Amino acid sequence: MGMAFAGFNRRLGRRIFFAAPFVLVAGAAAGQGADVKFRRSSLVIDSAGRELKFEVDMATNDAERSHGLMFRKSLGPYEGMLFDFYREQPVSFWMKNTLIPLDMIFIAADGTVRHVHSNAVPLSTEAIPSTAPVRGVLEINGGSAKLLGVKPGDKVRHEIFGNAK
């Protein structure tokens, strides 16, 4: 009886030892976004002869880009988040832990809209690729790009694209 009990404790100890790093990583990931602070900026989308002005949070480093708009319950009608990747490259997004539908506007280094993905599904882990290398991605409320007429070929003006006025 004593040996079986000792073996049980050893196995339990090993389980706790091997499980502890996973619990710590999961706990760190859950609290990761709590301290992320975004810089606020303005941008303009030139579309069909109109200037559409947005106030955006800037996601310019790995921690900010990883957190993005996760856990946000709402966005104002002319608010969003601009992700800066510093150079053109293929990028992909998902909606895990994102509670609201979003439009993703994929933008070339010169500010040209390359692709618009409309109404990304909240909480989905399906990959949403850029379809071409991009410098930035603007996320806005789902359905807004269509409502405002934002389409490939439009220009986004912002300091990261070197075309802000």
N, C-alpha and C. Protein backbone atom coordinates (compact mmCIF):
# COMPACT_ATOMS: atom_id res chain seq x y z
N MET A 1 0.82 -1.19 0.00
CA MET A 1 0.00 0.00 0.00
C MET A 1 0.86 1.25 0.00
N GLY A 2 1.89 1.28 0.83
CA GLY A 2 2.75 2.44 0.91
C GLY A 2 3.42 2.74 -0.41
N MET A 3 3.84 1.72 -1.17
CA MET A 3 4.53 1.93 -2.44
C MET A 3 3.58 2.53 -3.48
N ALA A 4 2.37 2.05 -3.57
CA ALA A 4 1.42 2.58 -4.54
C ALA A 4 1.15 4.05 -4.25
N PHE A 5 1.03 4.38 -3.00
CA PHE A 5 0.77 5.75 -2.62
C PHE A 5 1.96 6.62 -2.98
N ALA A 6 3.18 6.14 -2.72
CA ALA A 6 4.39 6.90 -3.05
C ALA A 6 4.48 7.11 -4.55
N GLY A 7 4.16 6.08 -5.32
CA GLY A 7 4.18 6.19 -6.78
C GLY A 7 3.16 7.20 -7.26
N PHE A 8 2.01 7.20 -6.64
CA PHE A 8 0.97 8.15 -7.00
C PHE A 8 1.46 9.58 -6.78
N ASN A 9 2.10 9.81 -5.62
CA ASN A 9 2.62 11.15 -5.32
C ASN A 9 3.70 11.57 -6.31
N ARG A 10 4.57 10.62 -6.70
CA ARG A 10 5.62 10.93 -7.66
C ARG A 10 5.00 11.31 -9.01
N ARG A 11 4.00 10.54 -9.46
CA ARG A 11 3.34 10.84 -10.74
C ARG A 11 2.63 12.19 -10.65
N LEU A 12 1.95 12.44 -9.54
CA LEU A 12 1.26 13.72 -9.37
C LEU A 12 2.27 14.86 -9.38
N GLY A 13 3.39 14.66 -8.70
CA GLY A 13 4.44 15.69 -8.68
C GLY A 13 4.96 15.98 -10.07
N ARG A 14 5.17 14.91 -10.88
CA ARG A 14 5.64 15.11 -12.25
C ARG A 14 4.60 15.85 -13.08
N ARG A 15 3.34 15.52 -12.89
CA ARG A 15 2.27 16.20 -13.64
C ARG A 15 2.24 17.69 -13.31
N ILE A 16 2.36 18.00 -12.02
CA ILE A 16 2.36 19.40 -11.61
C ILE A 16 3.59 20.10 -12.17
N PHE A 17 4.77 19.44 -12.11
CA PHE A 17 6.00 20.02 -12.61
C PHE A 17 5.89 20.32 -14.11
N PHE A 18 5.37 19.35 -14.89
CA PHE A 18 5.28 19.55 -16.34
C PHE A 18 4.14 20.49 -16.71
N ALA A 19 3.10 20.54 -15.92
CA ALA A 19 1.96 21.41 -16.23
C ALA A 19 2.23 22.85 -15.83
N ALA A 20 3.08 23.09 -14.86
CA ALA A 20 3.31 24.44 -14.35
C ALA A 20 3.73 25.43 -15.43
N PRO A 21 4.69 25.09 -16.32
CA PRO A 21 5.05 26.06 -17.36
C PRO A 21 3.87 26.43 -18.26
N PHE A 22 3.01 25.46 -18.58
CA PHE A 22 1.86 25.75 -19.42
C PHE A 22 0.88 26.68 -18.74
N VAL A 23 0.68 26.49 -17.45
CA VAL A 23 -0.21 27.35 -16.68
C VAL A 23 0.36 28.76 -16.63
N LEU A 24 1.67 28.88 -16.41
CA LEU A 24 2.30 30.20 -16.37
C LEU A 24 2.20 30.91 -17.71
N VAL A 25 2.45 30.19 -18.80
CA VAL A 25 2.36 30.79 -20.14
C VAL A 25 0.92 31.21 -20.42
N ALA A 26 -0.04 30.35 -20.10
CA ALA A 26 -1.44 30.69 -20.33
C ALA A 26 -1.85 31.91 -19.51
N GLY A 27 -1.40 31.97 -18.28
CA GLY A 27 -1.72 33.12 -17.44
C GLY A 27 -1.09 34.39 -17.97
N ALA A 28 0.14 34.30 -18.44
CA ALA A 28 0.81 35.48 -19.01
C ALA A 28 0.11 35.93 -20.28
N ALA A 29 -0.32 34.99 -21.11
CA ALA A 29 -1.01 35.35 -22.35
C ALA A 29 -2.34 36.01 -22.05
N ALA A 30 -3.04 35.52 -21.04
CA ALA A 30 -4.34 36.10 -20.70
C ALA A 30 -4.20 37.54 -20.21
N GLY A 31 -3.13 37.83 -19.49
CA GLY A 31 -2.95 39.18 -18.97
C GLY A 31 -2.09 40.06 -19.85
N GLN A 32 -1.64 39.53 -20.99
CA GLN A 32 -0.71 40.24 -21.85
C GLN A 32 -1.23 41.58 -22.32
N GLY A 33 -2.48 41.67 -22.66
CA GLY A 33 -3.02 42.90 -23.21
C GLY A 33 -3.35 43.96 -22.18
N ALA A 34 -3.32 43.60 -20.92
CA ALA A 34 -3.74 44.53 -19.88
C ALA A 34 -2.87 45.79 -19.84
N ASP A 35 -1.58 45.67 -20.16
CA ASP A 35 -0.67 46.81 -20.07
C ASP A 35 -0.36 47.44 -21.42
N VAL A 36 -0.98 46.99 -22.51
CA VAL A 36 -0.68 47.54 -23.83
C VAL A 36 -1.35 48.90 -23.95
N LYS A 37 -0.52 49.91 -24.23
CA LYS A 37 -1.00 51.28 -24.43
C LYS A 37 -0.71 51.67 -25.87
N PHE A 38 -1.71 52.17 -26.57
CA PHE A 38 -1.55 52.52 -27.97
C PHE A 38 -1.43 54.04 -28.13
N ARG A 39 -0.54 54.46 -29.02
CA ARG A 39 -0.44 55.86 -29.40
C ARG A 39 -1.59 56.18 -30.34
N ARG A 40 -2.20 57.34 -30.18
CA ARG A 40 -3.33 57.77 -31.00
C ARG A 40 -2.80 58.63 -32.14
N SER A 41 -3.43 58.50 -33.31
CA SER A 41 -3.00 59.25 -34.48
C SER A 41 -4.21 59.49 -35.39
N SER A 42 -4.04 60.36 -36.37
CA SER A 42 -5.11 60.64 -37.34
C SER A 42 -4.65 60.19 -38.71
N LEU A 43 -5.61 59.77 -39.53
CA LEU A 43 -5.32 59.45 -40.92
C LEU A 43 -6.50 59.87 -41.78
N VAL A 44 -6.26 59.93 -43.08
CA VAL A 44 -7.29 60.30 -44.04
C VAL A 44 -7.29 59.26 -45.15
N ILE A 45 -8.48 58.84 -45.56
CA ILE A 45 -8.63 57.99 -46.74
C ILE A 45 -9.23 58.86 -47.83
N ASP A 46 -8.51 58.97 -48.96
CA ASP A 46 -9.03 59.68 -50.12
C ASP A 46 -9.79 58.66 -50.97
N SER A 47 -11.11 58.83 -51.04
CA SER A 47 -11.97 57.88 -51.74
C SER A 47 -13.06 58.63 -52.50
N ALA A 48 -13.11 58.44 -53.80
CA ALA A 48 -14.15 59.03 -54.65
C ALA A 48 -14.27 60.54 -54.43
N GLY A 49 -13.13 61.23 -54.35
CA GLY A 49 -13.13 62.68 -54.20
C GLY A 49 -13.46 63.17 -52.80
N ARG A 50 -13.59 62.27 -51.84
CA ARG A 50 -13.88 62.66 -50.46
C ARG A 50 -12.69 62.34 -49.57
N GLU A 51 -12.56 63.10 -48.49
CA GLU A 51 -11.55 62.83 -47.47
C GLU A 51 -12.25 62.27 -46.25
N LEU A 52 -11.97 61.02 -45.95
CA LEU A 52 -12.57 60.35 -44.79
C LEU A 52 -11.54 60.36 -43.66
N LYS A 53 -11.84 61.08 -42.59
CA LYS A 53 -10.90 61.25 -41.48
C LYS A 53 -11.19 60.24 -40.37
N PHE A 54 -10.14 59.58 -39.92
CA PHE A 54 -10.23 58.59 -38.86
C PHE A 54 -9.25 58.91 -37.74
N GLU A 55 -9.63 58.59 -36.52
CA GLU A 55 -8.73 58.58 -35.37
C GLU A 55 -8.40 57.12 -35.11
N VAL A 56 -7.10 56.81 -35.06
CA VAL A 56 -6.69 55.41 -34.95
C VAL A 56 -5.70 55.22 -33.81
N ASP A 57 -5.73 54.02 -33.25
CA ASP A 57 -4.69 53.57 -32.34
C ASP A 57 -3.61 52.95 -33.22
N MET A 58 -2.36 53.20 -32.89
CA MET A 58 -1.23 52.69 -33.67
C MET A 58 -0.69 51.40 -33.04
N ALA A 59 -0.60 50.35 -33.86
CA ALA A 59 0.02 49.09 -33.43
C ALA A 59 1.34 48.99 -34.18
N THR A 60 2.44 49.33 -33.48
CA THR A 60 3.73 49.46 -34.15
C THR A 60 4.80 48.50 -33.66
N ASN A 61 4.50 47.69 -32.66
CA ASN A 61 5.47 46.70 -32.20
C ASN A 61 4.76 45.36 -32.02
N ASP A 62 5.52 44.33 -31.75
CA ASP A 62 4.93 42.98 -31.66
C ASP A 62 3.83 42.88 -30.62
N ALA A 63 4.04 43.47 -29.44
CA ALA A 63 3.03 43.38 -28.38
C ALA A 63 1.74 44.07 -28.81
N GLU A 64 1.86 45.25 -29.41
CA GLU A 64 0.66 45.98 -29.85
C GLU A 64 -0.02 45.26 -31.00
N ARG A 65 0.76 44.77 -31.96
CA ARG A 65 0.16 44.06 -33.10
C ARG A 65 -0.50 42.77 -32.65
N SER A 66 0.10 42.08 -31.70
CA SER A 66 -0.50 40.82 -31.20
C SER A 66 -1.81 41.08 -30.48
N HIS A 67 -1.89 42.18 -29.75
CA HIS A 67 -3.10 42.47 -28.98
C HIS A 67 -4.20 43.06 -29.87
N GLY A 68 -3.81 43.99 -30.74
CA GLY A 68 -4.77 44.59 -31.67
C GLY A 68 -6.05 45.06 -30.99
N LEU A 69 -7.17 44.75 -31.59
CA LEU A 69 -8.47 45.16 -31.06
C LEU A 69 -9.15 44.06 -30.24
N MET A 70 -8.37 43.09 -29.78
CA MET A 70 -8.95 42.02 -28.96
C MET A 70 -9.64 42.60 -27.73
N PHE A 71 -10.77 42.03 -27.42
CA PHE A 71 -11.56 42.33 -26.22
C PHE A 71 -12.27 43.68 -26.26
N ARG A 72 -12.11 44.45 -27.33
CA ARG A 72 -12.85 45.71 -27.44
C ARG A 72 -14.30 45.39 -27.74
N LYS A 73 -15.19 46.12 -27.10
CA LYS A 73 -16.61 45.88 -27.28
C LYS A 73 -17.23 46.81 -28.31
N SER A 74 -16.51 47.88 -28.67
CA SER A 74 -17.05 48.81 -29.67
C SER A 74 -15.94 49.69 -30.22
N LEU A 75 -16.23 50.30 -31.36
CA LEU A 75 -15.38 51.31 -31.99
C LEU A 75 -16.31 52.43 -32.42
N GLY A 76 -15.83 53.66 -32.35
CA GLY A 76 -16.62 54.77 -32.88
C GLY A 76 -16.69 54.66 -34.40
N PRO A 77 -17.62 55.39 -35.04
CA PRO A 77 -17.82 55.27 -36.48
C PRO A 77 -16.60 55.66 -37.31
N TYR A 78 -15.74 56.54 -36.81
CA TYR A 78 -14.53 56.94 -37.53
C TYR A 78 -13.29 56.69 -36.67
N GLU A 79 -13.28 55.51 -36.04
CA GLU A 79 -12.15 55.06 -35.25
C GLU A 79 -11.65 53.74 -35.81
N GLY A 80 -10.42 53.40 -35.47
CA GLY A 80 -9.87 52.14 -35.92
C GLY A 80 -8.50 51.91 -35.33
N MET A 81 -7.79 50.95 -35.92
CA MET A 81 -6.42 50.65 -35.53
C MET A 81 -5.60 50.49 -36.79
N LEU A 82 -4.43 51.15 -36.81
CA LEU A 82 -3.51 51.05 -37.93
C LEU A 82 -2.30 50.23 -37.50
N PHE A 83 -2.10 49.11 -38.18
CA PHE A 83 -0.96 48.23 -37.92
C PHE A 83 0.17 48.60 -38.87
N ASP A 84 1.34 48.88 -38.32
CA ASP A 84 2.51 49.23 -39.14
C ASP A 84 3.50 48.08 -39.09
N PHE A 85 3.83 47.54 -40.28
CA PHE A 85 4.80 46.44 -40.37
C PHE A 85 6.17 46.94 -40.85
N TYR A 86 6.32 48.24 -41.05
CA TYR A 86 7.58 48.92 -41.39
C TYR A 86 8.13 48.64 -42.78
N ARG A 87 7.74 47.58 -43.40
CA ARG A 87 8.14 47.29 -44.78
C ARG A 87 7.04 46.44 -45.40
N GLU A 88 6.97 46.43 -46.71
CA GLU A 88 5.96 45.61 -47.36
C GLU A 88 6.29 44.13 -47.17
N GLN A 89 5.27 43.38 -46.81
CA GLN A 89 5.40 41.94 -46.63
C GLN A 89 4.02 41.31 -46.62
N PRO A 90 3.91 40.03 -46.93
CA PRO A 90 2.62 39.36 -46.79
C PRO A 90 2.28 39.28 -45.30
N VAL A 91 1.04 39.55 -44.96
CA VAL A 91 0.59 39.46 -43.57
C VAL A 91 -0.73 38.70 -43.52
N SER A 92 -1.04 38.21 -42.36
CA SER A 92 -2.28 37.46 -42.16
C SER A 92 -2.83 37.79 -40.77
N PHE A 93 -4.13 37.89 -40.68
CA PHE A 93 -4.80 38.22 -39.42
C PHE A 93 -5.80 37.13 -39.08
N TRP A 94 -6.23 37.12 -37.82
CA TRP A 94 -7.37 36.32 -37.39
C TRP A 94 -8.16 37.14 -36.39
N MET A 95 -9.31 36.64 -36.00
CA MET A 95 -10.22 37.39 -35.14
C MET A 95 -10.36 36.77 -33.75
N LYS A 96 -9.46 35.87 -33.40
CA LYS A 96 -9.53 35.24 -32.09
C LYS A 96 -9.55 36.33 -31.01
N ASN A 97 -10.46 36.22 -30.08
CA ASN A 97 -10.64 37.17 -28.96
C ASN A 97 -11.07 38.56 -29.41
N THR A 98 -11.48 38.72 -30.66
CA THR A 98 -11.99 40.00 -31.15
C THR A 98 -13.50 39.90 -31.14
N LEU A 99 -14.14 40.80 -30.43
CA LEU A 99 -15.57 40.68 -30.13
C LEU A 99 -16.49 41.36 -31.13
N ILE A 100 -15.94 42.19 -32.02
CA ILE A 100 -16.77 42.95 -32.96
C ILE A 100 -16.34 42.64 -34.39
N PRO A 101 -17.27 42.68 -35.35
CA PRO A 101 -16.88 42.48 -36.75
C PRO A 101 -16.02 43.65 -37.23
N LEU A 102 -15.04 43.35 -38.06
CA LEU A 102 -14.13 44.38 -38.54
C LEU A 102 -13.95 44.29 -40.05
N ASP A 103 -13.70 45.43 -40.68
CA ASP A 103 -13.20 45.48 -42.04
C ASP A 103 -11.70 45.66 -41.93
N MET A 104 -10.95 44.93 -42.74
CA MET A 104 -9.49 45.04 -42.76
C MET A 104 -9.10 45.62 -44.11
N ILE A 105 -8.43 46.75 -44.06
CA ILE A 105 -8.00 47.45 -45.27
C ILE A 105 -6.48 47.28 -45.36
N PHE A 106 -6.04 46.52 -46.36
CA PHE A 106 -4.63 46.21 -46.55
C PHE A 106 -4.01 47.27 -47.45
N ILE A 107 -2.89 47.88 -46.98
CA ILE A 107 -2.36 49.10 -47.58
C ILE A 107 -0.89 48.95 -47.97
N ALA A 108 -0.56 49.33 -49.20
CA ALA A 108 0.81 49.30 -49.71
C ALA A 108 1.65 50.38 -49.04
N ALA A 109 2.97 50.32 -49.25
CA ALA A 109 3.89 51.27 -48.62
C ALA A 109 3.65 52.71 -49.06
N ASP A 110 3.05 52.92 -50.24
CA ASP A 110 2.77 54.28 -50.70
C ASP A 110 1.39 54.77 -50.29
N GLY A 111 0.66 53.95 -49.50
CA GLY A 111 -0.67 54.34 -49.02
C GLY A 111 -1.82 53.86 -49.89
N THR A 112 -1.53 53.14 -50.97
CA THR A 112 -2.59 52.65 -51.85
C THR A 112 -3.29 51.45 -51.23
N VAL A 113 -4.61 51.48 -51.21
CA VAL A 113 -5.39 50.34 -50.72
C VAL A 113 -5.24 49.20 -51.73
N ARG A 114 -4.76 48.06 -51.25
CA ARG A 114 -4.57 46.90 -52.12
C ARG A 114 -5.74 45.93 -52.05
N HIS A 115 -6.33 45.81 -50.87
CA HIS A 115 -7.37 44.80 -50.68
C HIS A 115 -8.22 45.21 -49.48
N VAL A 116 -9.51 44.91 -49.55
CA VAL A 116 -10.41 45.14 -48.42
C VAL A 116 -11.09 43.82 -48.09
N HIS A 117 -10.94 43.39 -46.84
CA HIS A 117 -11.66 42.21 -46.36
C HIS A 117 -12.80 42.73 -45.49
N SER A 118 -14.02 42.49 -45.91
CA SER A 118 -15.19 43.03 -45.20
C SER A 118 -15.74 42.07 -44.17
N ASN A 119 -16.19 42.64 -43.07
CA ASN A 119 -16.93 41.93 -42.03
C ASN A 119 -16.26 40.64 -41.56
N ALA A 120 -15.02 40.76 -41.10
CA ALA A 120 -14.35 39.61 -40.50
C ALA A 120 -15.18 39.15 -39.30
N VAL A 121 -15.34 37.86 -39.18
CA VAL A 121 -16.23 37.26 -38.18
C VAL A 121 -15.59 37.26 -36.79
N PRO A 122 -16.28 37.86 -35.80
CA PRO A 122 -15.74 37.87 -34.44
C PRO A 122 -15.41 36.46 -33.94
N LEU A 123 -14.30 36.36 -33.22
CA LEU A 123 -13.84 35.15 -32.55
C LEU A 123 -13.35 34.05 -33.49
N SER A 124 -13.34 34.28 -34.79
CA SER A 124 -12.91 33.27 -35.75
C SER A 124 -11.39 33.12 -35.73
N THR A 125 -10.92 31.88 -35.91
CA THR A 125 -9.49 31.62 -36.03
C THR A 125 -9.10 31.39 -37.50
N GLU A 126 -10.02 31.65 -38.41
CA GLU A 126 -9.72 31.52 -39.84
C GLU A 126 -8.74 32.63 -40.25
N ALA A 127 -7.70 32.25 -41.01
CA ALA A 127 -6.70 33.22 -41.45
C ALA A 127 -7.28 34.16 -42.50
N ILE A 128 -6.93 35.43 -42.38
CA ILE A 128 -7.34 36.45 -43.35
C ILE A 128 -6.05 37.03 -43.92
N PRO A 129 -5.64 36.56 -45.12
CA PRO A 129 -4.36 37.01 -45.69
C PRO A 129 -4.47 38.33 -46.45
N SER A 130 -3.34 38.98 -46.62
CA SER A 130 -3.30 40.27 -47.31
C SER A 130 -3.47 40.14 -48.82
N THR A 131 -3.28 39.02 -49.41
CA THR A 131 -3.33 38.74 -50.86
C THR A 131 -2.18 39.36 -51.64
N ALA A 132 -1.42 40.29 -51.05
CA ALA A 132 -0.23 40.92 -51.65
C ALA A 132 0.58 41.51 -50.50
N PRO A 133 1.87 41.75 -50.72
CA PRO A 133 2.65 42.40 -49.66
C PRO A 133 2.09 43.78 -49.33
N VAL A 134 2.03 44.11 -48.04
CA VAL A 134 1.52 45.40 -47.57
C VAL A 134 2.42 45.96 -46.48
N ARG A 135 2.36 47.28 -46.32
CA ARG A 135 3.09 47.95 -45.23
C ARG A 135 2.21 48.06 -44.00
N GLY A 136 0.89 48.29 -44.22
CA GLY A 136 0.00 48.51 -43.09
C GLY A 136 -1.36 47.89 -43.31
N VAL A 137 -2.08 47.77 -42.21
CA VAL A 137 -3.47 47.29 -42.24
C VAL A 137 -4.28 48.20 -41.33
N LEU A 138 -5.39 48.70 -41.85
CA LEU A 138 -6.31 49.52 -41.07
C LEU A 138 -7.54 48.68 -40.76
N GLU A 139 -7.85 48.54 -39.47
CA GLU A 139 -9.07 47.85 -39.05
C GLU A 139 -10.09 48.90 -38.61
N ILE A 140 -11.30 48.79 -39.19
CA ILE A 140 -12.40 49.68 -38.85
C ILE A 140 -13.65 48.82 -38.62
N ASN A 141 -14.72 49.45 -38.18
CA ASN A 141 -15.97 48.72 -37.94
C ASN A 141 -16.39 47.92 -39.17
N GLY A 142 -16.86 46.71 -38.92
CA GLY A 142 -17.34 45.86 -40.00
C GLY A 142 -18.47 46.53 -40.78
N GLY A 143 -18.35 46.53 -42.09
CA GLY A 143 -19.36 47.13 -42.97
C GLY A 143 -19.08 48.58 -43.32
N SER A 144 -18.16 49.22 -42.60
CA SER A 144 -17.87 50.64 -42.84
C SER A 144 -17.20 50.89 -44.19
N ALA A 145 -16.29 50.01 -44.60
CA ALA A 145 -15.60 50.23 -45.88
C ALA A 145 -16.61 50.29 -47.03
N LYS A 146 -17.55 49.37 -47.05
CA LYS A 146 -18.57 49.37 -48.10
C LYS A 146 -19.46 50.60 -47.98
N LEU A 147 -19.89 50.90 -46.78
CA LEU A 147 -20.75 52.06 -46.54
C LEU A 147 -20.09 53.36 -47.00
N LEU A 148 -18.78 53.48 -46.76
CA LEU A 148 -18.04 54.69 -47.12
C LEU A 148 -17.47 54.65 -48.54
N GLY A 149 -17.56 53.50 -49.19
CA GLY A 149 -17.06 53.37 -50.56
C GLY A 149 -15.56 53.15 -50.66
N VAL A 150 -14.91 52.70 -49.58
CA VAL A 150 -13.47 52.45 -49.60
C VAL A 150 -13.21 51.20 -50.43
N LYS A 151 -12.26 51.32 -51.38
CA LYS A 151 -12.00 50.22 -52.31
C LYS A 151 -10.54 50.19 -52.72
N PRO A 152 -10.07 49.09 -53.31
CA PRO A 152 -8.69 49.06 -53.82
C PRO A 152 -8.44 50.22 -54.78
N GLY A 153 -7.25 50.81 -54.65
CA GLY A 153 -6.89 51.97 -55.46
C GLY A 153 -7.02 53.29 -54.70
N ASP A 154 -7.87 53.33 -53.67
CA ASP A 154 -7.98 54.53 -52.84
C ASP A 154 -6.64 54.76 -52.13
N LYS A 155 -6.44 55.98 -51.63
CA LYS A 155 -5.19 56.34 -50.94
C LYS A 155 -5.45 56.59 -49.46
N VAL A 156 -4.59 56.05 -48.63
CA VAL A 156 -4.60 56.33 -47.20
C VAL A 156 -3.42 57.26 -46.92
N ARG A 157 -3.73 58.41 -46.31
CA ARG A 157 -2.68 59.38 -45.98
C ARG A 157 -2.37 59.31 -44.49
N HIS A 158 -1.10 59.02 -44.22
CA HIS A 158 -0.62 58.93 -42.84
C HIS A 158 0.89 59.02 -42.87
N GLU A 159 1.47 59.45 -41.76
CA GLU A 159 2.93 59.60 -41.69
C GLU A 159 3.70 58.33 -42.03
N ILE A 160 3.16 57.14 -41.71
CA ILE A 160 3.92 55.90 -42.00
C ILE A 160 4.03 55.66 -43.50
N PHE A 161 3.13 56.24 -44.28
CA PHE A 161 3.20 56.08 -45.74
C PHE A 161 3.93 57.25 -46.40
N GLY A 162 4.38 58.22 -45.59
CA GLY A 162 5.13 59.36 -46.11
C GLY A 162 4.32 60.30 -46.95
N ASN A 163 2.99 60.30 -46.76
CA ASN A 163 2.13 61.14 -47.60
C ASN A 163 1.14 61.99 -46.80
N ALA A 164 1.39 62.15 -45.50
CA ALA A 164 0.48 62.96 -44.67
C ALA A 164 0.63 64.42 -45.05
N LYS A 165 -0.47 65.15 -45.05
CA LYS A 165 -0.43 66.58 -45.39
C LYS A 165 -0.46 67.41 -44.12
